[in-house]
Amino acid sequence: MDIIPPTRPEAPAAPGDVQYQIRRLLGEGGYGQVYEAWDSKLQRSVALKRLRAQTPSNSRDRLLDEARAAASLKHTAFVKIYALDGDQHTPAIIMELIEGRSLAQLGPLAVDDALDIARQIAEAMLEAHRARLVHGDLKPSNLMLEPSGQVRILDFGLARHIDPLATQSTLSDELQGTIAYLAPERLAGNPAAPPSDVYALGVVLYQLLTGQRPFAELNGMALAAAHLQTSSEQWPYPPHLPAAVTALVQAMTATSLAMRLPSMNAVSATIRTLGADSSLTGRLGGWALRLRRRLHRQRRAWA
């Protein structure tokens, strides 16, 4: 695959022209860089994720395998994978280019808006989990809101197949992710699984509601320790936040797997119930109690 800087990206491609012309850098991470590029053959803008040459071969192969798996997901929230290209040393993933704002750019949202975003993510991730894929790095910067209000889920670069036999990390990059959104069991060295994606989404929802992540003043090991040593019941919540919504966040981010909402289906169902049964305009203390009881009764049914 040939990749060059653009001259006139909108011009028709001549015979022998390279296919992808780099326009600008969109972002970078541990595995590589993501660029906006122009596909001169199909005459469209794309996102091009180029893996670093020094990426270990086992990690590179796994990432490409998961890109192929992610390409099979049909939900409209997932970024479309157009092609795998490049050589064995510097492979590239050609993807749909998403226009919009990342959730990291949004301040505190109205409760109903935050819940709608969380519901959309939960319903999309339910499809991935049913396909035995977990994301592993759900966070605001990996989630885009299009002008239409549609949420798009980016960067399945850390996605992996669920291994029912796995009990601990077996790969050196298993814990790659963003500490602020990693579930306690992930921080303890266990592999990603659907409940850890639920936890991450719960932290995202908390941030959408409050305008900041838990322990915003901490980083690194201090942040990891705070997540391991405290429960989400101890996080600060705005006084105007309906108690039922606080209960939902706490159910999604429970330290104990036995107490956490076990699936994205549970998250989506709970949010829909909130929308159907309440206007979310008051404190809803009685509803919060009923919600906690309902979550306890239905926890197994939602798994």
Protein backbone atom coordinates (compact mmCIF):
# COMPACT_ATOMS: atom_id res chain seq x y z
CA MET A 1 0.00 0.00 0.00
CA ASP A 2 1.34 3.43 -0.94
CA ILE A 3 0.45 6.40 1.25
CA ILE A 4 1.52 9.94 0.43
CA PRO A 5 0.68 13.47 1.58
CA PRO A 6 -2.08 15.00 -0.55
CA THR A 7 -1.68 17.56 -3.27
CA ARG A 8 -5.23 17.98 -4.52
CA PRO A 9 -7.20 15.19 -2.78
CA GLU A 10 -10.42 16.01 -4.58
CA ALA A 11 -8.86 15.53 -8.03
CA PRO A 12 -9.66 12.31 -9.90
CA ALA A 13 -7.01 9.63 -9.57
CA ALA A 14 -4.82 9.01 -12.60
CA PRO A 15 -3.54 5.54 -13.52
CA GLY A 16 -0.74 4.57 -11.18
CA ASP A 17 -1.68 7.08 -8.49
CA VAL A 18 -1.41 5.93 -4.88
CA GLN A 19 -4.77 5.14 -3.32
CA TYR A 20 -4.57 6.87 0.06
CA GLN A 21 -3.42 10.46 0.45
CA ILE A 22 -2.87 11.60 4.03
CA ARG A 23 -4.67 14.81 4.96
CA ARG A 24 -4.05 15.20 8.68
CA LEU A 25 -3.30 13.36 11.89
CA LEU A 26 -6.43 12.67 13.94
CA GLY A 27 -4.83 10.95 16.91
CA GLU A 28 -2.33 8.40 18.09
CA GLY A 29 -1.94 5.77 20.74
CA GLY A 30 0.25 2.91 21.81
CA TYR A 31 -0.32 0.89 18.65
CA GLY A 32 -0.16 3.55 15.97
CA GLN A 33 -1.60 6.69 14.42
CA VAL A 34 -5.00 7.49 12.94
CA TYR A 35 -5.16 9.85 9.97
CA GLU A 36 -7.81 11.43 7.84
CA ALA A 37 -7.00 10.31 4.30
CA TRP A 38 -8.41 10.62 0.81
CA ASP A 39 -9.23 7.40 -1.05
CA SER A 40 -8.38 8.42 -4.60
CA LYS A 41 -9.94 5.32 -6.14
CA LEU A 42 -13.34 5.57 -4.48
CA GLN A 43 -13.22 9.37 -4.16
CA ARG A 44 -14.08 9.59 -0.47
CA SER A 45 -12.55 10.58 2.84
CA VAL A 46 -11.59 7.74 5.17
CA ALA A 47 -9.88 7.19 8.49
CA LEU A 48 -6.61 5.29 8.16
CA LYS A 49 -5.14 3.59 11.22
CA ARG A 50 -1.53 2.68 10.61
CA LEU A 51 0.12 0.40 13.15
CA ARG A 52 3.61 1.19 14.36
CA ALA A 53 6.42 -0.82 12.80
CA GLN A 54 7.68 -1.75 16.27
CA THR A 55 4.35 -3.25 17.35
CA PRO A 56 5.06 -6.84 18.47
CA SER A 57 4.03 -9.35 15.83
CA ASN A 58 1.65 -11.23 18.15
CA SER A 59 -0.12 -7.99 19.09
CA ARG A 60 -0.24 -6.90 15.44
CA ASP A 61 -1.77 -10.19 14.34
CA ARG A 62 -4.35 -10.06 17.14
CA LEU A 63 -5.33 -6.49 16.30
CA LEU A 64 -5.86 -7.40 12.67
CA ASP A 65 -7.90 -10.46 13.66
CA GLU A 66 -10.12 -8.31 15.85
CA ALA A 67 -10.50 -5.70 13.09
CA ARG A 68 -11.83 -8.49 10.88
CA ALA A 69 -14.21 -9.55 13.64
CA ALA A 70 -15.36 -5.97 14.28
CA ALA A 71 -16.08 -5.63 10.56
CA SER A 72 -18.79 -8.26 10.97
CA LEU A 73 -20.79 -6.12 13.43
CA LYS A 74 -23.92 -4.68 11.81
CA HIS A 75 -25.10 -2.13 14.38
CA THR A 76 -24.99 1.40 13.00
CA ALA A 77 -23.06 2.65 16.03
CA PHE A 78 -19.93 0.79 15.01
CA VAL A 79 -17.45 2.37 12.65
CA LYS A 80 -17.40 0.53 9.34
CA ILE A 81 -14.17 -1.28 8.48
CA TYR A 82 -13.53 -0.83 4.76
CA ALA A 83 -10.28 -2.71 4.23
CA LEU A 84 -7.07 -4.09 5.67
CA ASP A 85 -4.03 -2.94 3.74
CA GLY A 86 -0.31 -2.42 3.99
CA ASP A 87 2.49 -4.94 4.45
CA GLN A 88 3.28 -7.32 7.27
CA HIS A 89 5.48 -4.75 9.02
CA THR A 90 3.20 -1.68 8.87
CA PRO A 91 -0.38 -2.86 8.29
CA ALA A 92 -3.19 -0.34 8.07
CA ILE A 93 -6.90 -0.47 8.79
CA ILE A 94 -9.09 1.64 6.50
CA MET A 95 -12.24 2.81 8.27
CA GLU A 96 -15.24 5.07 7.98
CA LEU A 97 -14.45 8.68 8.85
CA ILE A 98 -16.82 9.96 11.53
CA GLU A 99 -17.85 13.61 11.76
CA GLY A 100 -18.98 14.94 15.10
CA ARG A 101 -17.75 15.64 18.62
CA SER A 102 -16.21 13.20 21.04
CA LEU A 103 -18.01 12.80 24.34
CA ALA A 104 -14.82 14.10 25.97
CA GLN A 105 -15.64 17.51 24.48
CA LEU A 106 -19.07 17.68 26.11
CA GLY A 107 -19.75 19.25 29.47
CA PRO A 108 -22.38 18.03 31.93
CA LEU A 109 -25.48 17.00 30.01
CA ALA A 110 -29.15 16.99 30.90
CA VAL A 111 -30.11 13.72 32.53
CA ASP A 112 -32.29 12.52 29.65
CA ASP A 113 -29.56 13.31 27.10
CA ALA A 114 -26.91 11.46 29.10
CA LEU A 115 -29.20 8.45 29.52
CA ASP A 116 -30.02 8.38 25.81
CA ILE A 117 -26.32 8.31 24.94
CA ALA A 118 -25.68 5.52 27.45
CA ARG A 119 -28.63 3.53 26.09
CA GLN A 120 -27.36 3.80 22.52
CA ILE A 121 -23.92 2.58 23.56
CA ALA A 122 -25.37 -0.27 25.61
CA GLU A 123 -27.57 -1.50 22.78
CA ALA A 124 -24.66 -1.43 20.32
CA MET A 125 -22.28 -3.16 22.71
CA LEU A 126 -24.87 -5.84 23.36
CA GLU A 127 -24.45 -6.93 19.73
CA ALA A 128 -20.67 -7.03 20.15
CA HIS A 129 -20.92 -9.08 23.32
CA ARG A 130 -23.27 -11.53 21.65
CA ALA A 131 -20.60 -11.90 18.95
CA ARG A 132 -18.13 -12.67 21.76
CA LEU A 133 -16.30 -9.37 21.35
CA VAL A 134 -15.51 -6.97 24.16
CA HIS A 135 -14.24 -3.44 23.57
CA GLY A 136 -11.86 -3.14 26.48
CA ASP A 137 -11.35 0.64 26.27
CA LEU A 138 -14.72 2.40 26.33
CA LYS A 139 -14.11 6.03 27.27
CA PRO A 140 -15.41 9.45 26.17
CA SER A 141 -12.62 10.02 23.64
CA ASN A 142 -13.56 6.75 21.90
CA LEU A 143 -17.21 7.76 21.59
CA MET A 144 -18.47 10.28 19.05
CA LEU A 145 -21.78 12.11 18.88
CA GLU A 146 -22.86 12.94 15.34
CA PRO A 147 -24.95 16.06 14.60
CA SER A 148 -27.97 13.76 14.20
CA GLY A 149 -27.62 12.59 17.81
CA GLN A 150 -26.34 9.15 16.77
CA VAL A 151 -23.53 7.81 18.96
CA ARG A 152 -20.62 6.11 17.20
CA ILE A 153 -18.18 3.75 18.90
CA LEU A 154 -14.56 4.14 17.81
CA ASP A 155 -11.35 2.20 18.17
CA PHE A 156 -11.89 -1.49 18.54
CA GLY A 157 -8.08 -1.64 18.57
CA LEU A 158 -8.21 -3.11 22.06
CA ALA A 159 -11.19 -5.33 21.34
CA ARG A 160 -10.75 -9.02 21.85
CA HIS A 161 -12.63 -12.26 21.72
CA ILE A 162 -14.02 -13.46 25.03
CA ASP A 163 -12.11 -16.52 26.22
CA PRO A 164 -14.32 -18.47 28.64
CA LEU A 165 -11.25 -20.35 29.93
CA ALA A 166 -9.18 -17.28 30.70
CA THR A 167 -8.74 -16.43 34.38
CA GLN A 168 -5.90 -13.92 34.25
CA SER A 169 -3.84 -11.83 31.88
CA THR A 170 -1.71 -13.82 29.50
CA LEU A 171 -0.52 -11.01 27.20
CA SER A 172 1.78 -8.17 28.15
CA ASP A 173 -0.65 -5.65 26.61
CA GLU A 174 -3.75 -7.10 28.26
CA LEU A 175 -4.11 -4.19 30.66
CA GLN A 176 -3.70 -1.50 28.06
CA GLY A 177 -6.59 0.86 28.37
CA THR A 178 -7.39 3.99 30.30
CA ILE A 179 -7.12 3.54 34.06
CA ALA A 180 -9.99 5.90 34.87
CA TYR A 181 -12.45 3.61 33.05
CA LEU A 182 -11.00 0.19 33.90
CA ALA A 183 -13.07 -2.04 36.18
CA PRO A 184 -11.42 -3.16 39.44
CA GLU A 185 -11.10 -6.73 38.17
CA ARG A 186 -9.17 -5.43 35.14
CA LEU A 187 -6.85 -3.46 37.40
CA ALA A 188 -6.32 -6.68 39.37
CA GLY A 189 -5.10 -8.40 36.20
CA ASN A 190 -8.18 -10.20 34.93
CA PRO A 191 -9.04 -10.15 31.21
CA ALA A 192 -11.68 -7.91 29.67
CA ALA A 193 -15.22 -9.29 29.72
CA PRO A 194 -18.75 -7.90 29.22
CA PRO A 195 -19.07 -6.76 32.87
CA SER A 196 -15.89 -4.70 32.54
CA ASP A 197 -17.39 -2.92 29.53
CA VAL A 198 -20.50 -2.28 31.67
CA TYR A 199 -18.29 -0.72 34.34
CA ALA A 200 -16.53 1.49 31.80
CA LEU A 201 -19.88 2.68 30.42
CA GLY A 202 -21.00 3.45 33.97
CA VAL A 203 -17.98 5.70 34.45
CA VAL A 204 -18.70 7.36 31.10
CA LEU A 205 -22.31 7.96 32.20
CA TYR A 206 -21.08 9.44 35.48
CA GLN A 207 -18.84 11.82 33.54
CA LEU A 208 -21.67 12.84 31.22
CA LEU A 209 -23.85 13.63 34.23
CA THR A 210 -21.26 15.43 36.37
CA GLY A 211 -18.81 16.90 33.86
CA GLN A 212 -15.78 15.05 35.21
CA ARG A 213 -14.55 11.54 35.80
CA PRO A 214 -14.25 10.09 39.31
CA PHE A 215 -11.01 11.10 41.05
CA ALA A 216 -10.32 13.69 38.36
CA GLU A 217 -7.37 15.02 40.36
CA LEU A 218 -5.56 11.64 40.35
CA ASN A 219 -3.55 9.81 37.72
CA GLY A 220 -1.48 6.66 37.36
CA MET A 221 -1.12 4.31 40.30
CA ALA A 222 -2.88 6.71 42.67
CA LEU A 223 -5.93 6.65 40.40
CA ALA A 224 -5.84 2.85 40.14
CA ALA A 225 -5.60 2.57 43.93
CA ALA A 226 -8.56 4.90 44.39
CA HIS A 227 -10.72 2.74 42.11
CA LEU A 228 -9.66 -0.41 43.95
CA GLN A 229 -10.10 0.95 47.46
CA THR A 230 -13.37 2.87 47.17
CA SER A 231 -16.83 2.14 45.82
CA SER A 232 -18.90 4.27 43.48
CA GLU A 233 -21.31 4.91 46.35
CA GLN A 234 -18.56 7.17 47.73
CA TRP A 235 -18.24 9.23 44.54
CA PRO A 236 -19.70 12.76 44.73
CA TYR A 237 -23.03 13.20 42.97
CA PRO A 238 -24.74 16.51 42.13
CA PRO A 239 -27.64 17.22 44.50
CA HIS A 240 -30.01 17.74 41.56
CA LEU A 241 -29.34 14.27 40.15
CA PRO A 242 -32.38 11.98 40.50
CA ALA A 243 -31.70 9.25 43.04
CA ALA A 244 -32.80 6.62 40.51
CA VAL A 245 -30.06 7.73 38.12
CA THR A 246 -27.49 7.67 40.91
CA ALA A 247 -28.63 4.13 41.67
CA LEU A 248 -28.15 3.17 38.02
CA VAL A 249 -24.59 4.53 37.92
CA GLN A 250 -23.77 2.69 41.14
CA ALA A 251 -25.25 -0.54 39.81
CA MET A 252 -23.13 -0.28 36.66
CA THR A 253 -19.94 0.49 38.59
CA ALA A 254 -20.26 -1.82 41.58
CA THR A 255 -16.87 -3.18 42.61
CA SER A 256 -18.31 -6.64 43.18
CA LEU A 257 -19.28 -8.52 40.03
CA ALA A 258 -22.13 -10.10 41.99
CA MET A 259 -23.63 -6.65 42.59
CA ARG A 260 -22.89 -5.08 39.21
CA LEU A 261 -25.38 -5.03 36.36
CA PRO A 262 -24.17 -8.10 34.48
CA SER A 263 -24.87 -7.16 30.88
CA MET A 264 -25.52 -4.37 28.42
CA ASN A 265 -29.02 -5.80 28.08
CA ALA A 266 -29.55 -4.99 31.76
CA VAL A 267 -28.27 -1.46 31.27
CA SER A 268 -30.49 -0.80 28.26
CA ALA A 269 -33.56 -2.32 29.93
CA THR A 270 -33.05 -0.24 33.06
CA ILE A 271 -32.65 3.01 31.13
CA ARG A 272 -35.78 2.27 29.10
CA THR A 273 -37.66 1.56 32.33
CA LEU A 274 -36.49 4.86 33.77
CA GLY A 275 -37.72 6.71 30.69
CA ALA A 276 -41.07 4.94 30.71
CA ASP A 277 -41.81 5.20 34.42
CA SER A 278 -40.49 8.62 35.33
CA SER A 279 -39.99 12.09 33.90
CA LEU A 280 -36.70 12.26 35.86
CA THR A 281 -37.56 15.75 37.02
CA GLY A 282 -37.48 15.09 40.75
CA ARG A 283 -35.42 13.34 43.37
CA LEU A 284 -37.37 10.06 42.95
CA GLY A 285 -36.19 8.59 46.22
CA GLY A 286 -38.95 5.98 46.29
CA TRP A 287 -38.26 5.05 42.69
CA ALA A 288 -34.57 4.59 43.51
CA LEU A 289 -35.48 2.08 46.20
CA ARG A 290 -37.78 0.21 43.79
CA LEU A 291 -35.05 0.27 41.14
CA ARG A 292 -32.50 -1.27 43.51
CA ARG A 293 -34.98 -4.01 44.43
CA ARG A 294 -35.80 -4.63 40.76
CA LEU A 295 -32.11 -4.83 39.85
CA HIS A 296 -31.57 -7.36 42.63
CA ARG A 297 -34.53 -9.51 41.47
CA GLN A 298 -33.69 -9.40 37.78
CA ARG A 299 -29.89 -9.58 37.91
CA ARG A 300 -29.79 -13.23 36.88
CA ALA A 301 -32.48 -12.87 34.24
CA TRP A 302 -30.50 -10.12 32.49
CA ALA A 303 -27.24 -12.08 32.35
